[in-house]
């Protein structure tokens, strides 16, 4: 069993951990406390509170969600961290790193953290109808299982304002029970999955 101990910057991130029942009072209190720490105005605090209420509907025991904010909270994006106890198939890898809504080929980058070992990250520009948005995805290979994270959806210009804080969460958090893969073969398969998706644009 892999358990998560999330470490985050309290001036940039809020974990979605409401008590049972109506999340609105928790969201309001949490947003105002966050606003005091981050020196936000009332309009920004209201945006944060509404985003927190929305994200409580998405949180499950199988995934941890944080709200990530830019310096002035003008940009808000959910960071969803999921854990798979089993190895991912090639189709599952490709599905996680790619989207049929993408409007540009992904650029994959191999990264490494102390806790998670080697992994891959990709940024995607996506479109649904007339709406364009961006996501950043991370996938880390374990000896058995995998850890994935999805930042977004967020406005394309806003991705760069929140992705560093999200990456810091992944680099700083503790994943008890997760053992990074001993070699880079799985990560190379992750990268190949992203490259194959990009080849659709050739």
C-alpha atoms as a PDB file:
ATOM      1  CA  UNK A   1       0.000   0.000   0.000  1.00  0.00           C
ATOM      2  CA  UNK A   2       1.388   3.407  -1.016  1.00  0.00           C
ATOM      3  CA  UNK A   3       0.532   6.267   1.345  1.00  0.00           C
ATOM      4  CA  UNK A   4       1.058   9.952   0.596  1.00  0.00           C
ATOM      5  CA  UNK A   5       2.419  12.630   2.916  1.00  0.00           C
ATOM      6  CA  UNK A   6       1.948  15.798   0.878  1.00  0.00           C
ATOM      7  CA  UNK A   7       4.419  18.642   1.464  1.00  0.00           C
ATOM      8  CA  UNK A   8       3.492  22.010  -0.028  1.00  0.00           C
ATOM      9  CA  UNK A   9       4.014  25.773   0.141  1.00  0.00           C
ATOM     10  CA  UNK A  10       1.148  27.174   2.242  1.00  0.00           C
ATOM     11  CA  UNK A  11       1.325  30.452   0.305  1.00  0.00           C
ATOM     12  CA  UNK A  12       0.759  28.702  -3.035  1.00  0.00           C
ATOM     13  CA  UNK A  13      -1.160  25.493  -2.388  1.00  0.00           C
ATOM     14  CA  UNK A  14      -4.248  24.335  -0.508  1.00  0.00           C
ATOM     15  CA  UNK A  15      -4.986  20.620  -0.016  1.00  0.00           C
ATOM     16  CA  UNK A  16      -8.614  19.664  -0.582  1.00  0.00           C
ATOM     17  CA  UNK A  17      -9.468  18.128   2.791  1.00  0.00           C
ATOM     18  CA  UNK A  18     -12.958  19.336   3.791  1.00  0.00           C
ATOM     19  CA  UNK A  19     -14.832  17.853   6.750  1.00  0.00           C
ATOM     20  CA  UNK A  20     -18.003  15.838   6.030  1.00  0.00           C
ATOM     21  CA  UNK A  21     -21.063  17.815   5.020  1.00  0.00           C
ATOM     22  CA  UNK A  22     -21.437  21.147   3.248  1.00  0.00           C
ATOM     23  CA  UNK A  23     -17.945  22.243   2.092  1.00  0.00           C
ATOM     24  CA  UNK A  24     -18.867  25.941   1.830  1.00  0.00           C
ATOM     25  CA  UNK A  25     -17.979  27.012   5.405  1.00  0.00           C
ATOM     26  CA  UNK A  26     -14.672  25.129   5.199  1.00  0.00           C
ATOM     27  CA  UNK A  27     -13.909  26.684   1.802  1.00  0.00           C
ATOM     28  CA  UNK A  28     -14.675  30.202   3.054  1.00  0.00           C
ATOM     29  CA  UNK A  29     -12.551  29.823   6.195  1.00  0.00           C
ATOM     30  CA  UNK A  30      -9.701  28.181   4.288  1.00  0.00           C
ATOM     31  CA  UNK A  31      -9.758  30.819   1.541  1.00  0.00           C
ATOM     32  CA  UNK A  32      -9.633  33.677   4.049  1.00  0.00           C
ATOM     33  CA  UNK A  33      -6.759  32.063   5.962  1.00  0.00           C
ATOM     34  CA  UNK A  34      -4.929  31.527   2.669  1.00  0.00           C
ATOM     35  CA  UNK A  35      -5.674  35.112   1.631  1.00  0.00           C
ATOM     36  CA  UNK A  36      -4.200  36.436   4.860  1.00  0.00           C
ATOM     37  CA  UNK A  37      -0.999  34.453   4.344  1.00  0.00           C
ATOM     38  CA  UNK A  38      -0.699  35.346   0.647  1.00  0.00           C
ATOM     39  CA  UNK A  39      -1.884  38.976   1.052  1.00  0.00           C
ATOM     40  CA  UNK A  40      -4.825  38.610  -1.334  1.00  0.00           C
ATOM     41  CA  UNK A  41      -7.688  41.051  -1.874  1.00  0.00           C
ATOM     42  CA  UNK A  42     -11.329  40.074  -1.326  1.00  0.00           C
ATOM     43  CA  UNK A  43     -11.964  39.345  -4.998  1.00  0.00           C
ATOM     44  CA  UNK A  44      -9.090  36.846  -5.077  1.00  0.00           C
ATOM     45  CA  UNK A  45     -10.239  35.255  -1.806  1.00  0.00           C
ATOM     46  CA  UNK A  46     -13.703  34.784  -3.296  1.00  0.00           C
ATOM     47  CA  UNK A  47     -12.217  33.076  -6.385  1.00  0.00           C
ATOM     48  CA  UNK A  48     -10.220  30.749  -4.163  1.00  0.00           C
ATOM     49  CA  UNK A  49     -13.290  29.867  -2.056  1.00  0.00           C
ATOM     50  CA  UNK A  50     -15.371  29.031  -5.148  1.00  0.00           C
ATOM     51  CA  UNK A  51     -12.561  26.903  -6.582  1.00  0.00           C
ATOM     52  CA  UNK A  52     -12.245  24.985  -3.303  1.00  0.00           C
ATOM     53  CA  UNK A  53     -15.959  24.168  -3.293  1.00  0.00           C
ATOM     54  CA  UNK A  54     -15.750  22.951  -6.896  1.00  0.00           C
ATOM     55  CA  UNK A  55     -12.745  20.715  -6.171  1.00  0.00           C
ATOM     56  CA  UNK A  56     -14.334  19.029  -3.151  1.00  0.00           C
ATOM     57  CA  UNK A  57     -16.667  17.301  -5.605  1.00  0.00           C
ATOM     58  CA  UNK A  58     -13.683  15.673  -7.345  1.00  0.00           C
ATOM     59  CA  UNK A  59     -11.690  14.471  -4.336  1.00  0.00           C
ATOM     60  CA  UNK A  60     -11.723  10.713  -3.609  1.00  0.00           C
ATOM     61  CA  UNK A  61      -9.682   8.445  -1.305  1.00  0.00           C
ATOM     62  CA  UNK A  62      -7.791   7.212  -4.376  1.00  0.00           C
ATOM     63  CA  UNK A  63      -6.484  10.629  -5.367  1.00  0.00           C
ATOM     64  CA  UNK A  64      -5.222  13.714  -3.583  1.00  0.00           C
ATOM     65  CA  UNK A  65      -6.099  17.143  -4.945  1.00  0.00           C
ATOM     66  CA  UNK A  66      -4.496  20.489  -4.176  1.00  0.00           C
ATOM     67  CA  UNK A  67      -5.465  23.922  -5.439  1.00  0.00           C
ATOM     68  CA  UNK A  68      -2.341  25.656  -6.770  1.00  0.00           C
ATOM     69  CA  UNK A  69      -2.354  29.451  -7.028  1.00  0.00           C
ATOM     70  CA  UNK A  70      -0.129  31.978  -8.748  1.00  0.00           C
ATOM     71  CA  UNK A  71       1.412  34.771  -6.676  1.00  0.00           C
ATOM     72  CA  UNK A  72      -1.736  36.936  -6.761  1.00  0.00           C
ATOM     73  CA  UNK A  73      -4.166  34.018  -7.185  1.00  0.00           C
ATOM     74  CA  UNK A  74      -5.152  35.362 -10.606  1.00  0.00           C
ATOM     75  CA  UNK A  75      -4.377  31.854 -11.885  1.00  0.00           C
ATOM     76  CA  UNK A  76      -5.807  28.823 -10.052  1.00  0.00           C
ATOM     77  CA  UNK A  77      -5.305  25.211 -11.091  1.00  0.00           C
ATOM     78  CA  UNK A  78      -6.011  21.819  -9.521  1.00  0.00           C
ATOM     79  CA  UNK A  79      -3.129  19.406  -8.985  1.00  0.00           C
ATOM     80  CA  UNK A  80      -4.411  15.826  -8.846  1.00  0.00           C
ATOM     81  CA  UNK A  81      -2.035  13.127  -7.574  1.00  0.00           C
ATOM     82  CA  UNK A  82      -2.965   9.490  -8.170  1.00  0.00           C
ATOM     83  CA  UNK A  83      -1.281   6.257  -7.198  1.00  0.00           C
ATOM     84  CA  UNK A  84      -1.504   2.934  -9.014  1.00  0.00           C
ATOM     85  CA  UNK A  85      -0.498  -0.137  -7.030  1.00  0.00           C
ATOM     86  CA  UNK A  86      -0.116  -2.059 -10.299  1.00  0.00           C
ATOM     87  CA  UNK A  87       2.118  -1.490 -13.302  1.00  0.00           C
ATOM     88  CA  UNK A  88       0.491   0.490 -16.100  1.00  0.00           C
ATOM     89  CA  UNK A  89      -0.016  -1.051 -19.509  1.00  0.00           C
ATOM     90  CA  UNK A  90       1.337   0.761 -22.556  1.00  0.00           C
ATOM     91  CA  UNK A  91      -2.197   1.869 -23.407  1.00  0.00           C
ATOM     92  CA  UNK A  92      -2.677   3.277 -19.888  1.00  0.00           C
ATOM     93  CA  UNK A  93       0.664   5.080 -20.085  1.00  0.00           C
ATOM     94  CA  UNK A  94      -0.256   6.679 -23.399  1.00  0.00           C
ATOM     95  CA  UNK A  95      -3.733   7.603 -22.138  1.00  0.00           C
ATOM     96  CA  UNK A  96      -2.256   9.365 -19.109  1.00  0.00           C
ATOM     97  CA  UNK A  97       0.372  11.295 -21.070  1.00  0.00           C
ATOM     98  CA  UNK A  98      -1.789  12.219 -24.029  1.00  0.00           C
ATOM     99  CA  UNK A  99      -5.260  13.542 -24.831  1.00  0.00           C
ATOM    100  CA  UNK A 100      -7.328  13.375 -27.992  1.00  0.00           C
ATOM    101  CA  UNK A 101      -8.143  17.048 -27.366  1.00  0.00           C
ATOM    102  CA  UNK A 102      -4.483  18.077 -27.826  1.00  0.00           C
ATOM    103  CA  UNK A 103      -3.903  20.623 -30.571  1.00  0.00           C
ATOM    104  CA  UNK A 104      -0.101  20.393 -30.602  1.00  0.00           C
ATOM    105  CA  UNK A 105       2.255  17.420 -30.242  1.00  0.00           C
ATOM    106  CA  UNK A 106       3.585  16.878 -26.706  1.00  0.00           C
ATOM    107  CA  UNK A 107       7.198  17.516 -25.763  1.00  0.00           C
ATOM    108  CA  UNK A 108       8.372  14.948 -23.238  1.00  0.00           C
ATOM    109  CA  UNK A 109      11.057  15.609 -20.627  1.00  0.00           C
ATOM    110  CA  UNK A 110      12.669  12.995 -18.377  1.00  0.00           C
ATOM    111  CA  UNK A 111      12.970  14.228 -14.783  1.00  0.00           C
ATOM    112  CA  UNK A 112      14.033  12.773 -11.425  1.00  0.00           C
ATOM    113  CA  UNK A 113      13.220  13.358  -7.751  1.00  0.00           C
ATOM    114  CA  UNK A 114      14.699  11.822  -4.604  1.00  0.00           C
ATOM    115  CA  UNK A 115      11.415  10.192  -3.531  1.00  0.00           C
ATOM    116  CA  UNK A 116       9.996   9.127  -6.877  1.00  0.00           C
ATOM    117  CA  UNK A 117      13.104   8.435  -8.915  1.00  0.00           C
ATOM    118  CA  UNK A 118      12.985   8.865 -12.678  1.00  0.00           C
ATOM    119  CA  UNK A 119       9.812   9.966 -14.413  1.00  0.00           C
ATOM    120  CA  UNK A 120       8.515  11.889 -17.365  1.00  0.00           C
ATOM    121  CA  UNK A 121       6.566  15.132 -17.727  1.00  0.00           C
ATOM    122  CA  UNK A 122       4.672  16.551 -20.683  1.00  0.00           C
ATOM    123  CA  UNK A 123       2.738  19.778 -21.248  1.00  0.00           C
ATOM    124  CA  UNK A 124      -0.320  19.707 -23.499  1.00  0.00           C
ATOM    125  CA  UNK A 125      -2.335  22.437 -25.175  1.00  0.00           C
ATOM    126  CA  UNK A 126      -5.908  21.162 -25.506  1.00  0.00           C
ATOM    127  CA  UNK A 127      -9.202  22.304 -26.993  1.00  0.00           C
ATOM    128  CA  UNK A 128     -12.799  21.418 -26.182  1.00  0.00           C
ATOM    129  CA  UNK A 129     -15.192  23.242 -28.480  1.00  0.00           C
ATOM    130  CA  UNK A 130     -14.228  26.916 -28.428  1.00  0.00           C
ATOM    131  CA  UNK A 131     -12.314  26.571 -25.153  1.00  0.00           C
ATOM    132  CA  UNK A 132      -8.528  26.213 -25.137  1.00  0.00           C
ATOM    133  CA  UNK A 133      -6.625  25.164 -22.025  1.00  0.00           C
ATOM    134  CA  UNK A 134      -3.349  23.626 -20.908  1.00  0.00           C
ATOM    135  CA  UNK A 135      -2.347  20.725 -18.667  1.00  0.00           C
ATOM    136  CA  UNK A 136       0.947  19.394 -17.382  1.00  0.00           C
ATOM    137  CA  UNK A 137       1.279  15.711 -16.590  1.00  0.00           C
ATOM    138  CA  UNK A 138       3.879  13.740 -14.638  1.00  0.00           C
ATOM    139  CA  UNK A 139       4.313   9.974 -14.501  1.00  0.00           C
ATOM    140  CA  UNK A 140       6.817   8.119 -12.294  1.00  0.00           C
ATOM    141  CA  UNK A 141       7.640   4.422 -12.580  1.00  0.00           C
ATOM    142  CA  UNK A 142       7.845   2.211  -9.516  1.00  0.00           C
ATOM    143  CA  UNK A 143       9.248  -1.267  -9.013  1.00  0.00           C
ATOM    144  CA  UNK A 144       5.545  -2.152  -8.865  1.00  0.00           C
ATOM    145  CA  UNK A 145       3.008   0.528  -9.624  1.00  0.00           C
ATOM    146  CA  UNK A 146       3.253   4.175 -10.607  1.00  0.00           C
ATOM    147  CA  UNK A 147       2.577   7.702  -9.375  1.00  0.00           C
ATOM    148  CA  UNK A 148       0.916  10.204 -11.687  1.00  0.00           C
ATOM    149  CA  UNK A 149       0.037  13.866 -11.340  1.00  0.00           C
ATOM    150  CA  UNK A 150      -2.087  16.171 -13.485  1.00  0.00           C
ATOM    151  CA  UNK A 151      -1.963  19.965 -13.224  1.00  0.00           C
ATOM    152  CA  UNK A 152      -4.909  21.735 -14.810  1.00  0.00           C
ATOM    153  CA  UNK A 153      -6.961  22.446 -16.727  1.00  0.00           C
ATOM    154  CA  UNK A 154      -5.692  26.011 -16.682  1.00  0.00           C
ATOM    155  CA  UNK A 155      -5.476  28.854 -19.171  1.00  0.00           C
ATOM    156  CA  UNK A 156      -2.501  28.339 -21.503  1.00  0.00           C
ATOM    157  CA  UNK A 157      -0.752  31.535 -20.379  1.00  0.00           C
ATOM    158  CA  UNK A 158      -1.320  30.588 -16.737  1.00  0.00           C
ATOM    159  CA  UNK A 159       0.385  27.197 -16.802  1.00  0.00           C
ATOM    160  CA  UNK A 160       3.848  28.696 -16.393  1.00  0.00           C
ATOM    161  CA  UNK A 161       2.641  30.615 -13.312  1.00  0.00           C
ATOM    162  CA  UNK A 162       1.668  27.494 -11.358  1.00  0.00           C
ATOM    163  CA  UNK A 163       3.711  24.583 -12.691  1.00  0.00           C
ATOM    164  CA  UNK A 164       6.813  25.307 -10.583  1.00  0.00           C
ATOM    165  CA  UNK A 165       4.779  25.150  -7.360  1.00  0.00           C
ATOM    166  CA  UNK A 166       3.194  21.891  -8.526  1.00  0.00           C
ATOM    167  CA  UNK A 167       6.581  20.386  -9.376  1.00  0.00           C
ATOM    168  CA  UNK A 168       7.840  21.382  -5.919  1.00  0.00           C
ATOM    169  CA  UNK A 169       4.976  19.430  -4.333  1.00  0.00           C
ATOM    170  CA  UNK A 170       6.003  16.279  -6.191  1.00  0.00           C
ATOM    171  CA  UNK A 171       9.688  16.783  -5.370  1.00  0.00           C
ATOM    172  CA  UNK A 172       9.068  17.448  -1.649  1.00  0.00           C
ATOM    173  CA  UNK A 173       6.274  15.024  -0.741  1.00  0.00           C
ATOM    174  CA  UNK A 174       6.760  11.558   0.712  1.00  0.00           C
ATOM    175  CA  UNK A 175       5.338   8.424  -0.883  1.00  0.00           C
ATOM    176  CA  UNK A 176       5.657   5.676   1.713  1.00  0.00           C
ATOM    177  CA  UNK A 177       5.602   2.215   0.176  1.00  0.00           C
ATOM    178  CA  UNK A 178       6.644   3.449  -3.269  1.00  0.00           C
ATOM    179  CA  UNK A 179       9.953   2.075  -4.546  1.00  0.00           C
ATOM    180  CA  UNK A 180      11.304   3.743  -7.706  1.00  0.00           C
ATOM    181  CA  UNK A 181      12.104   1.445 -10.595  1.00  0.00           C
ATOM    182  CA  UNK A 182      15.673   0.144 -10.431  1.00  0.00           C
ATOM    183  CA  UNK A 183      16.345   0.941 -14.092  1.00  0.00           C
ATOM    184  CA  UNK A 184      15.106   3.470 -16.616  1.00  0.00           C
ATOM    185  CA  UNK A 185      13.420   0.965 -18.928  1.00  0.00           C
ATOM    186  CA  UNK A 186       9.914   1.827 -17.723  1.00  0.00           C
ATOM    187  CA  UNK A 187      10.582   5.555 -17.994  1.00  0.00           C
ATOM    188  CA  UNK A 188      11.859   5.013 -21.516  1.00  0.00           C
ATOM    189  CA  UNK A 189       8.549   3.290 -22.302  1.00  0.00           C
ATOM    190  CA  UNK A 190       6.706   6.298 -20.864  1.00  0.00           C
ATOM    191  CA  UNK A 191       8.755   8.584 -23.114  1.00  0.00           C
ATOM    192  CA  UNK A 192       8.120   6.346 -26.119  1.00  0.00           C
ATOM    193  CA  UNK A 193       4.369   6.523 -25.437  1.00  0.00           C
ATOM    194  CA  UNK A 194       4.516  10.333 -25.588  1.00  0.00           C
ATOM    195  CA  UNK A 195       6.688  10.268 -28.697  1.00  0.00           C
ATOM    196  CA  UNK A 196       4.252   7.940 -30.462  1.00  0.00           C
ATOM    197  CA  UNK A 197       1.453  10.353 -29.667  1.00  0.00           C
ATOM    198  CA  UNK A 198       3.516  13.176 -31.152  1.00  0.00           C
ATOM    199  CA  UNK A 199       4.141  11.194 -34.302  1.00  0.00           C
ATOM    200  CA  UNK A 200       0.425  11.466 -35.102  1.00  0.00           C
ATOM    201  CA  UNK A 201       1.212  15.052 -36.058  1.00  0.00           C
ATOM    202  CA  UNK A 202       3.977  14.170 -38.487  1.00  0.00           C
END
